[in-house]
Amino acid sequence: MNKDAVGSLHRGLCADGSVRFMAVEAKALCRLVQSHHELNSSASRLAGEALLSALLMSAYIKGEERISLQLQGERPHCAFIADIDAEGGARARFTPPKVLYKSGAPVSGIMMAMKSDTDKELYRGITKVDQTTIEQALREHLENSSQVDILLRMAIKVDSEGEIKFAGGLLLERLPESPSHPSISSEQFRSYFAG
């Protein structure tokens, strides 16, 4: 899948440079995954949430780096893998084509993220997904690996015909305190952005 199919990916700083953000709109890419793998509406929702997770994780790559995200689901039983490069190029696969799943419903399984460059693997992290949403699992994974505050929102909207009408997400990360850039406390971050 080419990067033109992603939609839009925006990265930047806000709150006077103390918070990093990434916003992604990926309806076209989610529709491609849906059609290539002939996914039913439930599988499309789950694949879309996993794909948004991978796209949001690309906030942590640059240059020749890439991020790979795998989800091995026990409930519902499924397998997902995506590779995203720093330019927004993406490829993804989801099986089986039919699952029973409601958007935002709890999932059980394992999520694995790998960051690599052209020569070697730079990072690998595994997060148990235990009756939680994909969004919650990704937030826990990012908070545990980066040790900073994260706010995360993802949404997939599918109509009654099974067509994806919206796929988007937002990641906010409080940058660690440093004399070289502005910073805010964890309490200020939560109060300002989550309130």
C-alpha atoms as a PDB file:
ATOM      1  CA  MET A   1       0.000   0.000   0.000  1.00  0.00           C
ATOM      2  CA  ASN A   2       1.401   3.361  -0.862  1.00  0.00           C
ATOM      3  CA  LYS A   3       1.675   6.386   1.382  1.00  0.00           C
ATOM      4  CA  ASP A   4      -0.841   8.364  -0.699  1.00  0.00           C
ATOM      5  CA  ALA A   5      -3.532   6.027   0.633  1.00  0.00           C
ATOM      6  CA  VAL A   6      -2.869   6.898   4.286  1.00  0.00           C
ATOM      7  CA  GLY A   7      -4.889  10.127   4.312  1.00  0.00           C
ATOM      8  CA  SER A   8      -3.117  12.631   6.505  1.00  0.00           C
ATOM      9  CA  LEU A   9      -0.484  12.431   9.206  1.00  0.00           C
ATOM     10  CA  HIS A  10       0.396  15.504  11.277  1.00  0.00           C
ATOM     11  CA  ARG A  11       3.183  15.806  13.843  1.00  0.00           C
ATOM     12  CA  GLY A  12       4.164  18.783  15.935  1.00  0.00           C
ATOM     13  CA  LEU A  13       4.460  20.455  19.301  1.00  0.00           C
ATOM     14  CA  CYS A  14       1.836  22.315  21.315  1.00  0.00           C
ATOM     15  CA  ALA A  15       1.537  23.867  24.801  1.00  0.00           C
ATOM     16  CA  ASP A  16       4.585  26.064  24.116  1.00  0.00           C
ATOM     17  CA  GLY A  17       6.614  23.033  23.016  1.00  0.00           C
ATOM     18  CA  SER A  18       6.017  20.936  26.138  1.00  0.00           C
ATOM     19  CA  VAL A  19       3.672  18.421  24.455  1.00  0.00           C
ATOM     20  CA  ARG A  20       4.218  16.438  21.282  1.00  0.00           C
ATOM     21  CA  PHE A  21       1.204  15.493  19.184  1.00  0.00           C
ATOM     22  CA  MET A  22       0.432  13.223  16.285  1.00  0.00           C
ATOM     23  CA  ALA A  23      -2.900  13.206  14.495  1.00  0.00           C
ATOM     24  CA  VAL A  24      -3.837  10.735  11.783  1.00  0.00           C
ATOM     25  CA  GLU A  25      -6.804  10.361   9.449  1.00  0.00           C
ATOM     26  CA  ALA A  26      -6.649   6.990   7.689  1.00  0.00           C
ATOM     27  CA  LYS A  27     -10.076   6.193   6.242  1.00  0.00           C
ATOM     28  CA  ALA A  28      -8.670   5.419   2.771  1.00  0.00           C
ATOM     29  CA  LEU A  29      -5.950   3.109   4.126  1.00  0.00           C
ATOM     30  CA  CYS A  30      -8.433   1.280   6.371  1.00  0.00           C
ATOM     31  CA  ARG A  31     -10.730   0.829   3.376  1.00  0.00           C
ATOM     32  CA  LEU A  32      -7.828  -0.642   1.382  1.00  0.00           C
ATOM     33  CA  VAL A  33      -7.089  -3.155   4.153  1.00  0.00           C
ATOM     34  CA  GLN A  34     -10.804  -3.969   4.313  1.00  0.00           C
ATOM     35  CA  SER A  35     -11.122  -4.591   0.565  1.00  0.00           C
ATOM     36  CA  HIS A  36      -7.763  -6.398   0.066  1.00  0.00           C
ATOM     37  CA  HIS A  37      -8.543  -8.879   2.833  1.00  0.00           C
ATOM     38  CA  GLU A  38     -12.328  -8.991   2.268  1.00  0.00           C
ATOM     39  CA  LEU A  39     -13.034  -8.103   5.908  1.00  0.00           C
ATOM     40  CA  ASN A  40     -16.509  -8.021   7.390  1.00  0.00           C
ATOM     41  CA  SER A  41     -17.518  -4.897   9.311  1.00  0.00           C
ATOM     42  CA  SER A  42     -16.363  -6.290  12.690  1.00  0.00           C
ATOM     43  CA  ALA A  43     -12.967  -7.361  11.329  1.00  0.00           C
ATOM     44  CA  SER A  44     -12.684  -3.957   9.614  1.00  0.00           C
ATOM     45  CA  ARG A  45     -13.196  -2.157  12.936  1.00  0.00           C
ATOM     46  CA  LEU A  46     -10.602  -4.261  14.756  1.00  0.00           C
ATOM     47  CA  ALA A  47      -8.084  -4.059  11.890  1.00  0.00           C
ATOM     48  CA  GLY A  48      -8.687  -0.311  11.707  1.00  0.00           C
ATOM     49  CA  GLU A  49      -8.000   0.186  15.420  1.00  0.00           C
ATOM     50  CA  ALA A  50      -4.809  -1.875  15.177  1.00  0.00           C
ATOM     51  CA  LEU A  51      -3.724   0.038  12.053  1.00  0.00           C
ATOM     52  CA  LEU A  52      -4.363   3.396  13.736  1.00  0.00           C
ATOM     53  CA  SER A  53      -2.203   2.154  16.631  1.00  0.00           C
ATOM     54  CA  ALA A  54       0.670   1.405  14.260  1.00  0.00           C
ATOM     55  CA  LEU A  55       0.297   4.760  12.503  1.00  0.00           C
ATOM     56  CA  LEU A  56       0.305   6.642  15.819  1.00  0.00           C
ATOM     57  CA  MET A  57       3.403   4.729  16.901  1.00  0.00           C
ATOM     58  CA  SER A  58       5.180   6.112  13.843  1.00  0.00           C
ATOM     59  CA  ALA A  59       5.496   9.342  15.866  1.00  0.00           C
ATOM     60  CA  TYR A  60       8.560   7.631  17.356  1.00  0.00           C
ATOM     61  CA  ILE A  61      10.449   6.955  14.106  1.00  0.00           C
ATOM     62  CA  LYS A  62      12.502   9.067  11.708  1.00  0.00           C
ATOM     63  CA  GLY A  63      14.819   8.711   8.712  1.00  0.00           C
ATOM     64  CA  GLU A  64      15.223   5.062   7.668  1.00  0.00           C
ATOM     65  CA  GLU A  65      13.422   3.683  10.711  1.00  0.00           C
ATOM     66  CA  ARG A  66      10.206   1.703  10.622  1.00  0.00           C
ATOM     67  CA  ILE A  67       7.715   0.480  13.173  1.00  0.00           C
ATOM     68  CA  SER A  68       6.072  -2.936  13.064  1.00  0.00           C
ATOM     69  CA  LEU A  69       3.036  -3.731  15.164  1.00  0.00           C
ATOM     70  CA  GLN A  70       1.603  -7.203  15.657  1.00  0.00           C
ATOM     71  CA  LEU A  71      -1.578  -8.184  17.436  1.00  0.00           C
ATOM     72  CA  GLN A  72      -2.231 -11.838  18.223  1.00  0.00           C
ATOM     73  CA  GLY A  73      -5.801 -11.990  19.452  1.00  0.00           C
ATOM     74  CA  GLU A  74      -7.181 -14.825  21.566  1.00  0.00           C
ATOM     75  CA  ARG A  75     -10.628 -13.202  21.985  1.00  0.00           C
ATOM     76  CA  PRO A  76     -11.575 -12.533  19.291  1.00  0.00           C
ATOM     77  CA  HIS A  77      -9.231 -14.947  17.538  1.00  0.00           C
ATOM     78  CA  CYS A  78      -7.284 -12.888  14.970  1.00  0.00           C
ATOM     79  CA  ALA A  79      -3.838 -11.887  13.726  1.00  0.00           C
ATOM     80  CA  PHE A  80      -2.769  -8.428  12.571  1.00  0.00           C
ATOM     81  CA  ILE A  81       0.572  -7.071  11.372  1.00  0.00           C
ATOM     82  CA  ALA A  82       1.493  -3.648  10.028  1.00  0.00           C
ATOM     83  CA  ASP A  83       4.758  -2.016   8.947  1.00  0.00           C
ATOM     84  CA  ILE A  84       4.968   1.779   8.811  1.00  0.00           C
ATOM     85  CA  ASP A  85       7.962   3.776   7.597  1.00  0.00           C
ATOM     86  CA  ALA A  86       8.936   7.335   8.579  1.00  0.00           C
ATOM     87  CA  GLU A  87       7.525   8.701   5.302  1.00  0.00           C
ATOM     88  CA  GLY A  88       4.048   7.306   6.052  1.00  0.00           C
ATOM     89  CA  GLY A  89       4.322   4.264   3.760  1.00  0.00           C
ATOM     90  CA  ALA A  90       2.221   1.462   5.185  1.00  0.00           C
ATOM     91  CA  ARG A  91       1.324  -2.168   4.652  1.00  0.00           C
ATOM     92  CA  ALA A  92      -0.967  -4.293   6.763  1.00  0.00           C
ATOM     93  CA  ARG A  93      -2.580  -7.724   6.946  1.00  0.00           C
ATOM     94  CA  PHE A  94      -5.493  -8.991   9.047  1.00  0.00           C
ATOM     95  CA  THR A  95      -6.911 -12.502   9.345  1.00  0.00           C
ATOM     96  CA  PRO A  96      -9.459 -14.050   9.473  1.00  0.00           C
ATOM     97  CA  PRO A  97     -11.797 -12.010   7.269  1.00  0.00           C
ATOM     98  CA  LYS A  98     -14.764 -12.539   9.621  1.00  0.00           C
ATOM     99  CA  VAL A  99     -14.790 -11.921  13.373  1.00  0.00           C
ATOM    100  CA  LEU A 100     -17.376 -10.862  15.931  1.00  0.00           C
ATOM    101  CA  TYR A 101     -16.244  -7.547  17.440  1.00  0.00           C
ATOM    102  CA  LYS A 102     -17.808  -4.220  18.464  1.00  0.00           C
ATOM    103  CA  SER A 103     -15.715  -1.058  18.168  1.00  0.00           C
ATOM    104  CA  GLY A 104     -13.996  -0.335  21.475  1.00  0.00           C
ATOM    105  CA  ALA A 105     -14.880  -3.762  22.898  1.00  0.00           C
ATOM    106  CA  PRO A 106     -12.390  -5.580  25.151  1.00  0.00           C
ATOM    107  CA  VAL A 107      -9.787  -7.762  23.433  1.00  0.00           C
ATOM    108  CA  SER A 108      -7.477 -10.426  24.856  1.00  0.00           C
ATOM    109  CA  GLY A 109      -4.123 -11.400  23.400  1.00  0.00           C
ATOM    110  CA  ILE A 110      -0.651  -9.950  22.898  1.00  0.00           C
ATOM    111  CA  MET A 111       0.546  -6.752  21.218  1.00  0.00           C
ATOM    112  CA  MET A 112       4.157  -6.579  20.047  1.00  0.00           C
ATOM    113  CA  ALA A 113       5.888  -3.477  18.703  1.00  0.00           C
ATOM    114  CA  MET A 114       9.282  -3.448  16.980  1.00  0.00           C
ATOM    115  CA  LYS A 115      11.312  -0.450  15.869  1.00  0.00           C
ATOM    116  CA  SER A 116      14.122  -1.053  13.394  1.00  0.00           C
ATOM    117  CA  ASP A 117      16.314   0.672  10.858  1.00  0.00           C
ATOM    118  CA  THR A 118      17.915  -0.735   7.712  1.00  0.00           C
ATOM    119  CA  ASP A 119      20.599  -2.575   9.718  1.00  0.00           C
ATOM    120  CA  LYS A 120      19.093  -3.823  12.952  1.00  0.00           C
ATOM    121  CA  GLU A 121      16.251  -3.989  15.425  1.00  0.00           C
ATOM    122  CA  LEU A 122      16.349  -0.992  17.785  1.00  0.00           C
ATOM    123  CA  TYR A 123      13.520  -1.836  20.163  1.00  0.00           C
ATOM    124  CA  ARG A 124      11.018  -4.592  20.905  1.00  0.00           C
ATOM    125  CA  GLY A 125       8.212  -4.416  23.417  1.00  0.00           C
ATOM    126  CA  ILE A 126       5.455  -6.867  24.256  1.00  0.00           C
ATOM    127  CA  THR A 127       2.239  -5.872  26.011  1.00  0.00           C
ATOM    128  CA  LYS A 128      -0.376  -8.287  27.281  1.00  0.00           C
ATOM    129  CA  VAL A 129      -3.843  -7.268  26.170  1.00  0.00           C
ATOM    130  CA  ASP A 130      -6.116  -8.582  28.908  1.00  0.00           C
ATOM    131  CA  GLN A 131      -9.788  -7.762  28.359  1.00  0.00           C
ATOM    132  CA  THR A 132      -9.015  -4.172  27.435  1.00  0.00           C
ATOM    133  CA  THR A 133      -9.486  -2.040  24.336  1.00  0.00           C
ATOM    134  CA  ILE A 134      -6.814  -1.640  21.664  1.00  0.00           C
ATOM    135  CA  GLU A 135      -6.632   2.051  22.618  1.00  0.00           C
ATOM    136  CA  GLN A 136      -6.026   1.248  26.312  1.00  0.00           C
ATOM    137  CA  ALA A 137      -3.441  -1.422  25.444  1.00  0.00           C
ATOM    138  CA  LEU A 138      -1.518   0.997  23.221  1.00  0.00           C
ATOM    139  CA  ARG A 139      -1.603   3.754  25.854  1.00  0.00           C
ATOM    140  CA  GLU A 140      -0.262   1.348  28.507  1.00  0.00           C
ATOM    141  CA  HIS A 141       2.447   0.148  26.119  1.00  0.00           C
ATOM    142  CA  LEU A 142       3.568   3.697  25.310  1.00  0.00           C
ATOM    143  CA  GLU A 143       3.489   4.890  28.929  1.00  0.00           C
ATOM    144  CA  ASN A 144       5.504   1.861  30.083  1.00  0.00           C
ATOM    145  CA  SER A 145       8.096   2.178  27.313  1.00  0.00           C
ATOM    146  CA  SER A 146       8.503   5.980  27.340  1.00  0.00           C
ATOM    147  CA  GLN A 147       7.823   6.613  31.058  1.00  0.00           C
ATOM    148  CA  VAL A 148       5.879   9.809  30.272  1.00  0.00           C
ATOM    149  CA  ASP A 149       2.220  10.782  30.272  1.00  0.00           C
ATOM    150  CA  ILE A 150       0.203   9.856  27.185  1.00  0.00           C
ATOM    151  CA  LEU A 151      -3.309  10.770  26.092  1.00  0.00           C
ATOM    152  CA  LEU A 152      -4.711   8.780  23.209  1.00  0.00           C
ATOM    153  CA  ARG A 153      -7.967   8.709  21.269  1.00  0.00           C
ATOM    154  CA  MET A 154      -8.928   6.532  18.296  1.00  0.00           C
ATOM    155  CA  ALA A 155     -12.200   6.099  16.433  1.00  0.00           C
ATOM    156  CA  ILE A 156     -13.451   3.910  13.592  1.00  0.00           C
ATOM    157  CA  LYS A 157     -16.947   4.529  12.246  1.00  0.00           C
ATOM    158  CA  VAL A 158     -18.566   1.881  10.029  1.00  0.00           C
ATOM    159  CA  ASP A 159     -22.026   2.347   8.514  1.00  0.00           C
ATOM    160  CA  SER A 160     -24.815  -0.243   8.334  1.00  0.00           C
ATOM    161  CA  GLU A 161     -23.482  -1.446   4.959  1.00  0.00           C
ATOM    162  CA  GLY A 162     -20.067  -2.157   6.498  1.00  0.00           C
ATOM    163  CA  GLU A 163     -18.338   0.789   4.771  1.00  0.00           C
ATOM    164  CA  ILE A 164     -15.718   2.676   6.785  1.00  0.00           C
ATOM    165  CA  LYS A 165     -16.853   6.300   7.120  1.00  0.00           C
ATOM    166  CA  PHE A 166     -14.142   7.572   9.469  1.00  0.00           C
ATOM    167  CA  ALA A 167     -10.814   6.344  10.846  1.00  0.00           C
ATOM    168  CA  GLY A 168      -8.681   8.668  12.923  1.00  0.00           C
ATOM    169  CA  GLY A 169      -6.601   9.055  16.022  1.00  0.00           C
ATOM    170  CA  LEU A 170      -4.757  11.560  18.198  1.00  0.00           C
ATOM    171  CA  LEU A 171      -1.718  11.002  20.405  1.00  0.00           C
ATOM    172  CA  LEU A 172      -0.513  13.579  22.943  1.00  0.00           C
ATOM    173  CA  GLU A 173       2.730  12.984  24.841  1.00  0.00           C
ATOM    174  CA  ARG A 174       4.025  15.158  27.670  1.00  0.00           C
ATOM    175  CA  LEU A 175       7.719  15.694  27.022  1.00  0.00           C
ATOM    176  CA  PRO A 176       9.991  14.923  29.968  1.00  0.00           C
ATOM    177  CA  GLU A 177      11.112  17.888  32.031  1.00  0.00           C
ATOM    178  CA  SER A 178      14.295  19.425  30.665  1.00  0.00           C
ATOM    179  CA  PRO A 179      16.122  22.748  30.924  1.00  0.00           C
ATOM    180  CA  SER A 180      16.455  22.761  27.115  1.00  0.00           C
ATOM    181  CA  HIS A 181      12.709  23.057  26.404  1.00  0.00           C
ATOM    182  CA  PRO A 182       9.517  24.183  28.165  1.00  0.00           C
ATOM    183  CA  SER A 183       7.809  21.616  30.361  1.00  0.00           C
ATOM    184  CA  ILE A 184       4.596  21.135  32.284  1.00  0.00           C
ATOM    185  CA  SER A 185       3.823  18.853  35.195  1.00  0.00           C
ATOM    186  CA  SER A 186       1.890  15.628  34.881  1.00  0.00           C
ATOM    187  CA  GLU A 187      -1.019  17.256  36.732  1.00  0.00           C
ATOM    188  CA  GLN A 188      -1.047  20.269  34.379  1.00  0.00           C
ATOM    189  CA  PHE A 189      -0.951  17.953  31.361  1.00  0.00           C
ATOM    190  CA  ARG A 190      -3.919  15.892  32.567  1.00  0.00           C
ATOM    191  CA  SER A 191      -5.894  18.940  33.670  1.00  0.00           C
ATOM    192  CA  TYR A 192      -5.349  20.867  30.433  1.00  0.00           C
ATOM    193  CA  PHE A 193      -5.766  18.056  27.884  1.00  0.00           C
ATOM    194  CA  ALA A 194      -7.974  15.460  29.580  1.00  0.00           C
ATOM    195  CA  GLY A 195     -10.348  17.853  31.330  1.00  0.00           C
END
